[in-house]
PDB file of N, CA and C in Angstrom:
ATOM      1  N   MET A   1     140.071  85.700 145.719  1.00  0.00           N
ATOM      2  CA  MET A   1     139.706  86.164 147.055  1.00  0.00           C
ATOM      3  C   MET A   1     138.274  85.743 147.349  1.00  0.00           C
ATOM      4  N   SER A   2     138.049  85.219 148.546  1.00  0.00           N
ATOM      5  CA  SER A   2     136.706  84.802 148.908  1.00  0.00           C
ATOM      6  C   SER A   2     135.882  86.014 149.314  1.00  0.00           C
ATOM      7  N   GLU A   3     134.588  85.814 149.295  1.00  0.00           N
ATOM      8  CA  GLU A   3     133.661  86.898 149.640  1.00  0.00           C
ATOM      9  C   GLU A   3     133.847  87.302 151.094  1.00  0.00           C
ATOM     10  N   PRO A   4     133.984  88.611 151.351  1.00  0.00           N
ATOM     11  CA  PRO A   4     134.103  89.045 152.753  1.00  0.00           C
ATOM     12  C   PRO A   4     132.768  88.874 153.471  1.00  0.00           C
ATOM     13  N   THR A   5     132.826  88.811 154.773  1.00  0.00           N
ATOM     14  CA  THR A   5     131.600  88.743 155.566  1.00  0.00           C
ATOM     15  C   THR A   5     131.037  90.151 155.731  1.00  0.00           C
ATOM     16  N   ARG A   6     129.792  90.256 156.113  1.00  0.00           N
ATOM     17  CA  ARG A   6     129.193  91.568 156.363  1.00  0.00           C
ATOM     18  C   ARG A   6     129.918  92.259 157.514  1.00  0.00           C
ATOM     19  N   GLU A   7     130.313  91.479 158.515  1.00  0.00           N
ATOM     20  CA  GLU A   7     131.032  92.057 159.643  1.00  0.00           C
ATOM     21  C   GLU A   7     132.358  92.672 159.179  1.00  0.00           C
ATOM     22  N   ALA A   8     133.064  91.977 158.279  1.00  0.00           N
ATOM     23  CA  ALA A   8     134.335  92.504 157.760  1.00  0.00           C
ATOM     24  C   ALA A   8     134.104  93.777 156.950  1.00  0.00           C
ATOM     25  N   VAL A   9     133.034  93.798 156.147  1.00  0.00           N
ATOM     26  CA  VAL A   9     132.701  94.986 155.353  1.00  0.00           C
ATOM     27  C   VAL A   9     132.376  96.156 156.280  1.00  0.00           C
ATOM     28  N   ASP A  10     131.607  95.906 157.315  1.00  0.00           N
ATOM     29  CA  ASP A  10     131.237  96.970 158.256  1.00  0.00           C
ATOM     30  C   ASP A  10     132.454  97.559 158.968  1.00  0.00           C
ATOM     31  N   GLN A  11     133.552  96.807 159.046  1.00  0.00           N
ATOM     32  CA  GLN A  11     134.770  97.270 159.711  1.00  0.00           C
ATOM     33  C   GLN A  11     135.755  97.945 158.755  1.00  0.00           C
ATOM     34  N   MET A  12     135.487  97.912 157.443  1.00  0.00           N
ATOM     35  CA  MET A  12     136.412  98.508 156.468  1.00  0.00           C
ATOM     36  C   MET A  12     136.509 100.009 156.694  1.00  0.00           C
ATOM     37  N   GLN A  13     137.752 100.495 156.667  1.00  0.00           N
ATOM     38  CA  GLN A  13     138.005 101.916 156.905  1.00  0.00           C
ATOM     39  C   GLN A  13     138.175 102.650 155.580  1.00  0.00           C
ATOM     40  N   GLY A  14     137.731 103.912 155.563  1.00  0.00           N
ATOM     41  CA  GLY A  14     137.879 104.743 154.384  1.00  0.00           C
ATOM     42  C   GLY A  14     136.827 104.437 153.338  1.00  0.00           C
ATOM     43  N   PRO A  15     137.012 105.016 152.138  1.00  0.00           N
ATOM     44  CA  PRO A  15     136.035 104.828 151.070  1.00  0.00           C
ATOM     45  C   PRO A  15     136.188 103.463 150.399  1.00  0.00           C
ATOM     46  N   VAL A  16     135.058 102.779 150.236  1.00  0.00           N
ATOM     47  CA  VAL A  16     135.026 101.441 149.643  1.00  0.00           C
ATOM     48  C   VAL A  16     133.855 101.362 148.673  1.00  0.00           C
ATOM     49  N   VAL A  17     134.064 100.695 147.533  1.00  0.00           N
ATOM     50  CA  VAL A  17     132.972 100.395 146.621  1.00  0.00           C
ATOM     51  C   VAL A  17     132.878  98.885 146.503  1.00  0.00           C
ATOM     52  N   LEU A  18     131.711  98.352 146.873  1.00  0.00           N
ATOM     53  CA  LEU A  18     131.418  96.942 146.650  1.00  0.00           C
ATOM     54  C   LEU A  18     130.702  96.842 145.313  1.00  0.00           C
ATOM     55  N   GLU A  19     131.180  95.977 144.452  1.00  0.00           N
ATOM     56  CA  GLU A  19     130.561  95.774 143.142  1.00  0.00           C
ATOM     57  C   GLU A  19     130.003  94.357 143.099  1.00  0.00           C
ATOM     58  N   PHE A  20     128.674  94.253 143.196  1.00  0.00           N
ATOM     59  CA  PHE A  20     128.014  92.955 143.149  1.00  0.00           C
ATOM     60  C   PHE A  20     127.622  92.632 141.710  1.00  0.00           C
ATOM     61  N   GLY A  21     127.923  91.418 141.279  1.00  0.00           N
ATOM     62  CA  GLY A  21     127.578  91.016 139.925  1.00  0.00           C
ATOM     63  C   GLY A  21     128.080  89.625 139.637  1.00  0.00           C
ATOM     64  N   ALA A  22     128.172  89.322 138.346  1.00  0.00           N
ATOM     65  CA  ALA A  22     128.672  88.028 137.887  1.00  0.00           C
ATOM     66  C   ALA A  22     129.480  88.263 136.612  1.00  0.00           C
ATOM     67  N   THR A  23     130.506  87.485 136.407  1.00  0.00           N
ATOM     68  CA  THR A  23     131.381  87.680 135.254  1.00  0.00           C
ATOM     69  C   THR A  23     130.643  87.494 133.936  1.00  0.00           C
ATOM     70  N   TRP A  24     129.614  86.660 133.926  1.00  0.00           N
ATOM     71  CA  TRP A  24     128.879  86.377 132.690  1.00  0.00           C
ATOM     72  C   TRP A  24     127.750  87.378 132.423  1.00  0.00           C
ATOM     73  N   CYS A  25     127.483  88.271 133.362  1.00  0.00           N
ATOM     74  CA  CYS A  25     126.367  89.224 133.258  1.00  0.00           C
ATOM     75  C   CYS A  25     126.706  90.341 132.271  1.00  0.00           C
ATOM     76  N   PRO A  26     125.914  90.519 131.204  1.00  0.00           N
ATOM     77  CA  PRO A  26     126.222  91.575 130.228  1.00  0.00           C
ATOM     78  C   PRO A  26     126.119  92.984 130.821  1.00  0.00           C
ATOM     79  N   HIS A  27     125.219  93.201 131.769  1.00  0.00           N
ATOM     80  CA  HIS A  27     125.105  94.521 132.411  1.00  0.00           C
ATOM     81  C   HIS A  27     126.365  94.817 133.228  1.00  0.00           C
ATOM     82  N   CYS A  28     126.892  93.785 133.891  1.00  0.00           N
ATOM     83  CA  CYS A  28     128.119  93.935 134.681  1.00  0.00           C
ATOM     84  C   CYS A  28     129.307  94.221 133.770  1.00  0.00           C
ATOM     85  N   GLN A  29     129.386  93.508 132.672  1.00  0.00           N
ATOM     86  CA  GLN A  29     130.460  93.724 131.705  1.00  0.00           C
ATOM     87  C   GLN A  29     130.384  95.135 131.134  1.00  0.00           C
ATOM     88  N   GLY A  30     129.169  95.645 130.971  1.00  0.00           N
ATOM     89  CA  GLY A  30     128.960  96.961 130.377  1.00  0.00           C
ATOM     90  C   GLY A  30     129.478  98.128 131.193  1.00  0.00           C
ATOM     91  N   ILE A  31     129.638  97.955 132.511  1.00  0.00           N
ATOM     92  CA  ILE A  31     130.123  99.073 133.338  1.00  0.00           C
ATOM     93  C   ILE A  31     131.620  99.008 133.616  1.00  0.00           C
ATOM     94  N   GLN A  32     132.302  97.980 133.112  1.00  0.00           N
ATOM     95  CA  GLN A  32     133.704  97.790 133.485  1.00  0.00           C
ATOM     96  C   GLN A  32     134.612  98.947 133.067  1.00  0.00           C
ATOM     97  N   SER A  33     134.391  99.528 131.890  1.00  0.00           N
ATOM     98  CA  SER A  33     135.248 100.651 131.490  1.00  0.00           C
ATOM     99  C   SER A  33     134.990 101.869 132.380  1.00  0.00           C
ATOM    100  N   ASP A  34     133.723 102.098 132.758  1.00  0.00           N
ATOM    101  CA  ASP A  34     133.403 103.212 133.662  1.00  0.00           C
ATOM    102  C   ASP A  34     134.024 102.987 135.040  1.00  0.00           C
ATOM    103  N   MET A  35     133.962 101.752 135.520  1.00  0.00           N
ATOM    104  CA  MET A  35     134.546 101.435 136.822  1.00  0.00           C
ATOM    105  C   MET A  35     136.056 101.639 136.783  1.00  0.00           C
ATOM    106  N   ALA A  36     136.711 101.140 135.730  1.00  0.00           N
ATOM    107  CA  ALA A  36     138.171 101.286 135.613  1.00  0.00           C
ATOM    108  C   ALA A  36     138.561 102.762 135.574  1.00  0.00           C
ATOM    109  N   SER A  37     137.798 103.553 134.839  1.00  0.00           N
ATOM    110  CA  SER A  37     138.076 104.980 134.729  1.00  0.00           C
ATOM    111  C   SER A  37     137.943 105.667 136.083  1.00  0.00           C
ATOM    112  N   GLN A  38     136.878 105.380 136.804  1.00  0.00           N
ATOM    113  CA  GLN A  38     136.647 106.026 138.098  1.00  0.00           C
ATOM    114  C   GLN A  38     137.661 105.564 139.143  1.00  0.00           C
ATOM    115  N   LEU A  39     138.007 104.278 139.111  1.00  0.00           N
ATOM    116  CA  LEU A  39     139.000 103.776 140.060  1.00  0.00           C
ATOM    117  C   LEU A  39     140.365 104.409 139.797  1.00  0.00           C
ATOM    118  N   ALA A  40     140.680 104.667 138.533  1.00  0.00           N
ATOM    119  CA  ALA A  40     141.943 105.342 138.194  1.00  0.00           C
ATOM    120  C   ALA A  40     141.940 106.788 138.701  1.00  0.00           C
ATOM    121  N   LYS A  41     140.774 107.439 138.654  1.00  0.00           N
ATOM    122  CA  LYS A  41     140.658 108.829 139.125  1.00  0.00           C
ATOM    123  C   LYS A  41     140.622 108.919 140.649  1.00  0.00           C
ATOM    124  N   HIS A  42     140.243 107.826 141.299  1.00  0.00           N
ATOM    125  CA  HIS A  42     140.076 107.814 142.761  1.00  0.00           C
ATOM    126  C   HIS A  42     140.874 106.652 143.353  1.00  0.00           C
ATOM    127  N   PRO A  43     142.210 106.747 143.322  1.00  0.00           N
ATOM    128  CA  PRO A  43     143.042 105.625 143.782  1.00  0.00           C
ATOM    129  C   PRO A  43     142.916 105.319 145.270  1.00  0.00           C
ATOM    130  N   ASN A  44     142.351 106.239 146.038  1.00  0.00           N
ATOM    131  CA  ASN A  44     142.174 106.006 147.478  1.00  0.00           C
ATOM    132  C   ASN A  44     140.942 105.159 147.791  1.00  0.00           C
ATOM    133  N   VAL A  45     140.125 104.866 146.775  1.00  0.00           N
ATOM    134  CA  VAL A  45     138.906 104.078 146.986  1.00  0.00           C
ATOM    135  C   VAL A  45     139.232 102.591 146.836  1.00  0.00           C
ATOM    136  N   GLN A  46     138.923 101.835 147.882  1.00  0.00           N
ATOM    137  CA  GLN A  46     139.109 100.387 147.824  1.00  0.00           C
ATOM    138  C   GLN A  46     137.946  99.785 147.032  1.00  0.00           C
ATOM    139  N   HIS A  47     138.250  98.894 146.095  1.00  0.00           N
ATOM    140  CA  HIS A  47     137.238  98.271 145.246  1.00  0.00           C
ATOM    141  C   HIS A  47     137.183  96.782 145.569  1.00  0.00           C
ATOM    142  N   VAL A  48     135.992  96.296 145.914  1.00  0.00           N
ATOM    143  CA  VAL A  48     135.812  94.884 146.208  1.00  0.00           C
ATOM    144  C   VAL A  48     134.751  94.345 145.261  1.00  0.00           C
ATOM    145  N   ARG A  49     135.172  93.478 144.360  1.00  0.00           N
ATOM    146  CA  ARG A  49     134.240  92.855 143.428  1.00  0.00           C
ATOM    147  C   ARG A  49     133.722  91.584 144.077  1.00  0.00           C
ATOM    148  N   VAL A  50     132.398  91.456 144.141  1.00  0.00           N
ATOM    149  CA  VAL A  50     131.768  90.307 144.780  1.00  0.00           C
ATOM    150  C   VAL A  50     130.988  89.528 143.729  1.00  0.00           C
ATOM    151  N   GLU A  51     131.409  88.306 143.472  1.00  0.00           N
ATOM    152  CA  GLU A  51     130.696  87.405 142.570  1.00  0.00           C
ATOM    153  C   GLU A  51     129.445  86.973 143.332  1.00  0.00           C
ATOM    154  N   ASP A  52     128.315  87.516 142.922  1.00  0.00           N
ATOM    155  CA  ASP A  52     127.071  87.331 143.657  1.00  0.00           C
ATOM    156  C   ASP A  52     126.266  86.180 143.049  1.00  0.00           C
ATOM    157  N   GLY A  53     125.308  85.713 143.789  1.00  0.00           N
ATOM    158  CA  GLY A  53     124.427  84.661 143.304  1.00  0.00           C
ATOM    159  C   GLY A  53     123.446  84.255 144.382  1.00  0.00           C
ATOM    160  N   LYS A  54     122.580  83.351 144.013  1.00  0.00           N
ATOM    161  CA  LYS A  54     121.541  82.877 144.932  1.00  0.00           C
ATOM    162  C   LYS A  54     122.178  82.324 146.207  1.00  0.00           C
ATOM    163  N   GLY A  55     121.640  82.770 147.328  1.00  0.00           N
ATOM    164  CA  GLY A  55     122.100  82.277 148.610  1.00  0.00           C
ATOM    165  C   GLY A  55     123.396  82.887 149.116  1.00  0.00           C
ATOM    166  N   LYS A  56     123.925  83.879 148.434  1.00  0.00           N
ATOM    167  CA  LYS A  56     125.159  84.534 148.888  1.00  0.00           C
ATOM    168  C   LYS A  56     124.792  85.539 149.976  1.00  0.00           C
ATOM    169  N   PRO A  57     125.301  85.346 151.191  1.00  0.00           N
ATOM    170  CA  PRO A  57     124.850  86.185 152.306  1.00  0.00           C
ATOM    171  C   PRO A  57     125.211  87.662 152.211  1.00  0.00           C
ATOM    172  N   LEU A  58     126.374  87.996 151.659  1.00  0.00           N
ATOM    173  CA  LEU A  58     126.741  89.413 151.619  1.00  0.00           C
ATOM    174  C   LEU A  58     125.796  90.200 150.716  1.00  0.00           C
ATOM    175  N   GLY A  59     125.517  89.681 149.534  1.00  0.00           N
ATOM    176  CA  GLY A  59     124.571  90.341 148.631  1.00  0.00           C
ATOM    177  C   GLY A  59     123.190  90.478 149.254  1.00  0.00           C
ATOM    178  N   ARG A  60     122.755  89.446 149.934  1.00  0.00           N
ATOM    179  CA  ARG A  60     121.431  89.514 150.559  1.00  0.00           C
ATOM    180  C   ARG A  60     121.408  90.554 151.667  1.00  0.00           C
ATOM    181  N   SER A  61     122.530  90.717 152.383  1.00  0.00           N
ATOM    182  CA  SER A  61     122.548  91.683 153.486  1.00  0.00           C
ATOM    183  C   SER A  61     122.417  93.118 152.977  1.00  0.00           C
ATOM    184  N   PHE A  62     122.765  93.349 151.687  1.00  0.00           N
ATOM    185  CA  PHE A  62     122.596  94.668 151.075  1.00  0.00           C
ATOM    186  C   PHE A  62     121.372  94.707 150.160  1.00  0.00           C
ATOM    187  N   ARG A  63     120.530  93.709 150.234  1.00  0.00           N
ATOM    188  CA  ARG A  63     119.292  93.602 149.443  1.00  0.00           C
ATOM    189  C   ARG A  63     119.550  93.694 147.940  1.00  0.00           C
ATOM    190  N   VAL A  64     120.634  93.070 147.484  1.00  0.00           N
ATOM    191  CA  VAL A  64     120.969  93.054 146.056  1.00  0.00           C
ATOM    192  C   VAL A  64     119.992  92.125 145.341  1.00  0.00           C
ATOM    193  N   LYS A  65     119.341  92.664 144.310  1.00  0.00           N
ATOM    194  CA  LYS A  65     118.402  91.881 143.505  1.00  0.00           C
ATOM    195  C   LYS A  65     118.759  91.888 142.036  1.00  0.00           C
ATOM    196  N   LEU A  66     119.371  92.978 141.570  1.00  0.00           N
ATOM    197  CA  LEU A  66     119.774  93.096 140.170  1.00  0.00           C
ATOM    198  C   LEU A  66     121.257  93.420 140.109  1.00  0.00           C
ATOM    199  N   TRP A  67     121.881  92.993 139.042  1.00  0.00           N
ATOM    200  CA  TRP A  67     123.306  93.270 138.821  1.00  0.00           C
ATOM    201  C   TRP A  67     123.479  94.241 137.683  1.00  0.00           C
ATOM    202  N   PRO A  68     124.529  95.004 137.679  1.00  0.00           N
ATOM    203  CA  PRO A  68     125.412  95.199 138.822  1.00  0.00           C
ATOM    204  C   PRO A  68     124.769  96.118 139.852  1.00  0.00           C
ATOM    205  N   THR A  69     125.142  95.896 141.093  1.00  0.00           N
ATOM    206  CA  THR A  69     124.776  96.799 142.173  1.00  0.00           C
ATOM    207  C   THR A  69     126.074  97.295 142.790  1.00  0.00           C
ATOM    208  N   LEU A  70     126.206  98.600 142.887  1.00  0.00           N
ATOM    209  CA  LEU A  70     127.372  99.222 143.517  1.00  0.00           C
ATOM    210  C   LEU A  70     126.949  99.777 144.867  1.00  0.00           C
ATOM    211  N   VAL A  71     127.697  99.409 145.902  1.00  0.00           N
ATOM    212  CA  VAL A  71     127.443  99.928 147.242  1.00  0.00           C
ATOM    213  C   VAL A  71     128.657 100.759 147.630  1.00  0.00           C
ATOM    214  N   PHE A  72     128.431 102.050 147.854  1.00  0.00           N
ATOM    215  CA  PHE A  72     129.488 102.983 148.238  1.00  0.00           C
ATOM    216  C   PHE A  72     129.464 103.122 149.759  1.00  0.00           C
ATOM    217  N   LEU A  73     130.587 102.828 150.386  1.00  0.00           N
ATOM    218  CA  LEU A  73     130.684 102.879 151.846  1.00  0.00           C
ATOM    219  C   LEU A  73     131.819 103.793 152.276  1.00  0.00           C
ATOM    220  N   ASN A  74     131.635 104.433 153.408  1.00  0.00           N
ATOM    221  CA  ASN A  74     132.708 105.202 154.018  1.00  0.00           C
ATOM    222  C   ASN A  74     132.777 104.780 155.473  1.00  0.00           C
ATOM    223  N   ASN A  75     133.899 104.196 155.856  1.00  0.00           N
ATOM    224  CA  ASN A  75     134.086 103.669 157.212  1.00  0.00           C
ATOM    225  C   ASN A  75     132.958 102.722 157.604  1.00  0.00           C
ATOM    226  N   GLY A  76     132.554 101.872 156.663  1.00  0.00           N
ATOM    227  CA  GLY A  76     131.540 100.849 156.931  1.00  0.00           C
ATOM    228  C   GLY A  76     130.103 101.306 156.820  1.00  0.00           C
ATOM    229  N   ALA A  77     129.873 102.599 156.638  1.00  0.00           N
ATOM    230  CA  ALA A  77     128.513 103.132 156.534  1.00  0.00           C
ATOM    231  C   ALA A  77     128.149 103.331 155.062  1.00  0.00           C
ATOM    232  N   VAL A  78     126.941 102.900 154.678  1.00  0.00           N
ATOM    233  CA  VAL A  78     126.489 103.064 153.307  1.00  0.00           C
ATOM    234  C   VAL A  78     126.253 104.539 153.016  1.00  0.00           C
ATOM    235  N   VAL A  79     126.903 105.031 151.945  1.00  0.00           N
ATOM    236  CA  VAL A  79     126.748 106.409 151.500  1.00  0.00           C
ATOM    237  C   VAL A  79     125.770 106.458 150.332  1.00  0.00           C
ATOM    238  N   ASN A  80     125.838 105.443 149.467  1.00  0.00           N
ATOM    239  CA  ASN A  80     124.997 105.404 148.269  1.00  0.00           C
ATOM    240  C   ASN A  80     124.935 103.966 147.780  1.00  0.00           C
ATOM    241  N   GLN A  81     123.865 103.633 147.096  1.00  0.00           N
ATOM    242  CA  GLN A  81     123.724 102.313 146.491  1.00  0.00           C
ATOM    243  C   GLN A  81     123.070 102.499 145.131  1.00  0.00           C
ATOM    244  N   LEU A  82     123.726 101.989 144.088  1.00  0.00           N
ATOM    245  CA  LEU A  82     123.243 102.157 142.722  1.00  0.00           C
ATOM    246  C   LEU A  82     122.983 100.802 142.086  1.00  0.00           C
ATOM    247  N   VAL A  83     121.858 100.690 141.409  1.00  0.00           N
ATOM    248  CA  VAL A  83     121.486  99.455 140.722  1.00  0.00           C
ATOM    249  C   VAL A  83     121.486  99.716 139.226  1.00  0.00           C
ATOM    250  N   ARG A  84     122.255  98.909 138.490  1.00  0.00           N
ATOM    251  CA  ARG A  84     122.413  99.069 137.040  1.00  0.00           C
ATOM    252  C   ARG A  84     122.645 100.533 136.666  1.00  0.00           C
ATOM    253  N   PRO A  85     123.706 101.118 137.222  1.00  0.00           N
ATOM    254  CA  PRO A  85     123.932 102.552 137.036  1.00  0.00           C
ATOM    255  C   PRO A  85     124.432 102.918 135.645  1.00  0.00           C
ATOM    256  N   ALA A  86     124.074 104.110 135.229  1.00  0.00           N
ATOM    257  CA  ALA A  86     124.605 104.708 134.000  1.00  0.00           C
ATOM    258  C   ALA A  86     125.963 105.317 134.327  1.00  0.00           C
ATOM    259  N   SER A  87     126.713 105.659 133.287  1.00  0.00           N
ATOM    260  CA  SER A  87     128.060 106.240 133.457  1.00  0.00           C
ATOM    261  C   SER A  87     128.058 107.451 134.380  1.00  0.00           C
ATOM    262  N   ASP A  88     127.103 108.366 134.174  1.00  0.00           N
ATOM    263  CA  ASP A  88     127.079 109.578 134.984  1.00  0.00           C
ATOM    264  C   ASP A  88     126.751 109.272 136.442  1.00  0.00           C
ATOM    265  N   GLU A  89     125.938 108.248 136.691  1.00  0.00           N
ATOM    266  CA  GLU A  89     125.619 107.870 138.067  1.00  0.00           C
ATOM    267  C   GLU A  89     126.844 107.288 138.771  1.00  0.00           C
ATOM    268  N   ILE A  90     127.634 106.503 138.038  1.00  0.00           N
ATOM    269  CA  ILE A  90     128.852 105.932 138.611  1.00  0.00           C
ATOM    270  C   ILE A  90     129.815 107.059 138.981  1.00  0.00           C
ATOM    271  N   ALA A  91     130.005 108.006 138.064  1.00  0.00           N
ATOM    272  CA  ALA A  91     130.895 109.144 138.329  1.00  0.00           C
ATOM    273  C   ALA A  91     130.415 109.940 139.535  1.00  0.00           C
ATOM    274  N   LYS A  92     129.112 110.182 139.611  1.00  0.00           N
ATOM    275  CA  LYS A  92     128.555 110.937 140.730  1.00  0.00           C
ATOM    276  C   LYS A  92     128.734 110.170 142.043  1.00  0.00           C
ATOM    277  N   GLY A  93     128.545 108.853 142.012  1.00  0.00           N
ATOM    278  CA  GLY A  93     128.732 108.039 143.214  1.00  0.00           C
ATOM    279  C   GLY A  93     130.151 108.127 143.744  1.00  0.00           C
ATOM    280  N   PHE A  94     131.138 108.026 142.849  1.00  0.00           N
ATOM    281  CA  PHE A  94     132.532 108.157 143.268  1.00  0.00           C
ATOM    282  C   PHE A  94     132.813 109.559 143.795  1.00  0.00           C
ATOM    283  N   ALA A  95     132.299 110.578 143.117  1.00  0.00           N
ATOM    284  CA  ALA A  95     132.529 111.960 143.542  1.00  0.00           C
ATOM    285  C   ALA A  95     131.952 112.206 144.932  1.00  0.00           C
ATOM    286  N   GLU A  96     130.739 111.745 145.173  1.00  0.00           N
ATOM    287  CA  GLU A  96     130.114 111.929 146.489  1.00  0.00           C
ATOM    288  C   GLU A  96     130.890 111.179 147.573  1.00  0.00           C
ATOM    289  N   LEU A  97     131.356 109.982 147.232  1.00  0.00           N
ATOM    290  CA  LEU A  97     132.086 109.179 148.203  1.00  0.00           C
ATOM    291  C   LEU A  97     133.395 109.839 148.603  1.00  0.00           C
ATOM    292  N   THR A  98     134.082 110.423 147.639  1.00  0.00           N
ATOM    293  CA  THR A  98     135.407 110.968 147.908  1.00  0.00           C
ATOM    294  C   THR A  98     135.384 112.425 148.368  1.00  0.00           C
ATOM    295  N   THR A  99     134.215 113.048 148.355  1.00  0.00           N
ATOM    296  CA  THR A  99     134.123 114.427 148.850  1.00  0.00           C
ATOM    297  C   THR A  99     133.302 114.493 150.135  1.00  0.00           C
ATOM    298  N   GLY A 100     133.248 113.373 150.848  1.00  0.00           N
ATOM    299  CA  GLY A 100     132.603 113.364 152.158  1.00  0.00           C
ATOM    300  C   GLY A 100     131.102 113.234 152.108  1.00  0.00           C
ATOM    301  N   GLY A 101     130.583 112.332 151.281  1.00  0.00           N
ATOM    302  CA  GLY A 101     129.143 112.078 151.260  1.00  0.00           C
ATOM    303  C   GLY A 101     128.634 111.753 152.645  1.00  0.00           C
ATOM    304  N   ASN A 102     127.454 112.178 152.949  1.00  0.00           N
ATOM    305  CA  ASN A 102     126.861 111.984 154.267  1.00  0.00           C
ATOM    306  C   ASN A 102     126.190 110.620 154.333  1.00  0.00           C
ATOM    307  N   PRO A 103     126.670 109.688 155.192  1.00  0.00           N
ATOM    308  CA  PRO A 103     126.078 108.358 155.260  1.00  0.00           C
ATOM    309  C   PRO A 103     124.600 108.351 155.610  1.00  0.00           C
ATOM    310  N   SER A 104     124.104 109.401 156.250  1.00  0.00           N
ATOM    311  CA  SER A 104     122.692 109.414 156.621  1.00  0.00           C
ATOM    312  C   SER A 104     121.786 109.776 155.448  1.00  0.00           C
ATOM    313  N   SER A 105     122.383 110.211 154.330  1.00  0.00           N
ATOM    314  CA  SER A 105     121.558 110.593 153.181  1.00  0.00           C
ATOM    315  C   SER A 105     121.642 109.526 152.091  1.00  0.00           C
ATOM    316  N   GLU A 106     121.385 108.285 152.491  1.00  0.00           N
ATOM    317  CA  GLU A 106     121.459 107.159 151.574  1.00  0.00           C
ATOM    318  C   GLU A 106     120.414 107.306 150.472  1.00  0.00           C
ATOM    319  N   THR A 107     120.861 107.081 149.237  1.00  0.00           N
ATOM    320  CA  THR A 107     119.938 107.100 148.126  1.00  0.00           C
ATOM    321  C   THR A 107     120.116 105.823 147.327  1.00  0.00           C
ATOM    322  N   ILE A 108     119.049 105.365 146.731  1.00  0.00           N
ATOM    323  CA  ILE A 108     119.110 104.182 145.883  1.00  0.00           C
ATOM    324  C   ILE A 108     118.571 104.566 144.531  1.00  0.00           C
ATOM    325  N   SER A 109     119.385 104.343 143.511  1.00  0.00           N
ATOM    326  CA  SER A 109     118.996 104.638 142.149  1.00  0.00           C
ATOM    327  C   SER A 109     118.820 103.331 141.413  1.00  0.00           C
ATOM    328  N   THR A 110     117.750 103.207 140.676  1.00  0.00           N
ATOM    329  CA  THR A 110     117.512 101.970 139.935  1.00  0.00           C
ATOM    330  C   THR A 110     117.265 102.296 138.472  1.00  0.00           C
ATOM    331  N   ASN A 111     118.053 101.658 137.621  1.00  0.00           N
ATOM    332  CA  ASN A 111     117.883 101.755 136.180  1.00  0.00           C
ATOM    333  C   ASN A 111     117.657 100.339 135.679  1.00  0.00           C
ATOM    334  N   ARG A 112     116.417  99.984 135.423  1.00  0.00           N
ATOM    335  CA  ARG A 112     116.099  98.611 135.065  1.00  0.00           C
ATOM    336  C   ARG A 112     115.956  98.393 133.571  1.00  0.00           C
ATOM    337  N   ALA A 113     116.356  99.353 132.784  1.00  0.00           N
ATOM    338  CA  ALA A 113     116.259  99.206 131.329  1.00  0.00           C
ATOM    339  C   ALA A 113     117.100  98.024 130.878  1.00  0.00           C
ATOM    340  N   GLU A 114     116.555  97.203 130.052  1.00  0.00           N
ATOM    341  CA  GLU A 114     117.254  96.005 129.592  1.00  0.00           C
ATOM    342  C   GLU A 114     118.005  96.311 128.338  1.00  0.00           C
TER     343      GLU A 114
END
């Protein structure tokens, strides 16, 4: 599947998680079991994996600088954005998204530990 446009993402209905990263990225590989677990618990959440890289417009439109970056959206509005999240942050992001997180209370969490 090709990368969706920002306009298409903004039109997505319901809860959506955009996962920006690269298949070769060890940090991205490290969250895959947490992502699979949360997606299994929240089958109503649409998951869009975006192979990101230099010059990719969708990642730039969300100011993605480090991988993985998870963008939680509800009806096209950003609810939360997590950078290199820990397991508990991923679980909390899914929980907030599926229990009616308020799009106006956007938070960005950054864990830059290598």
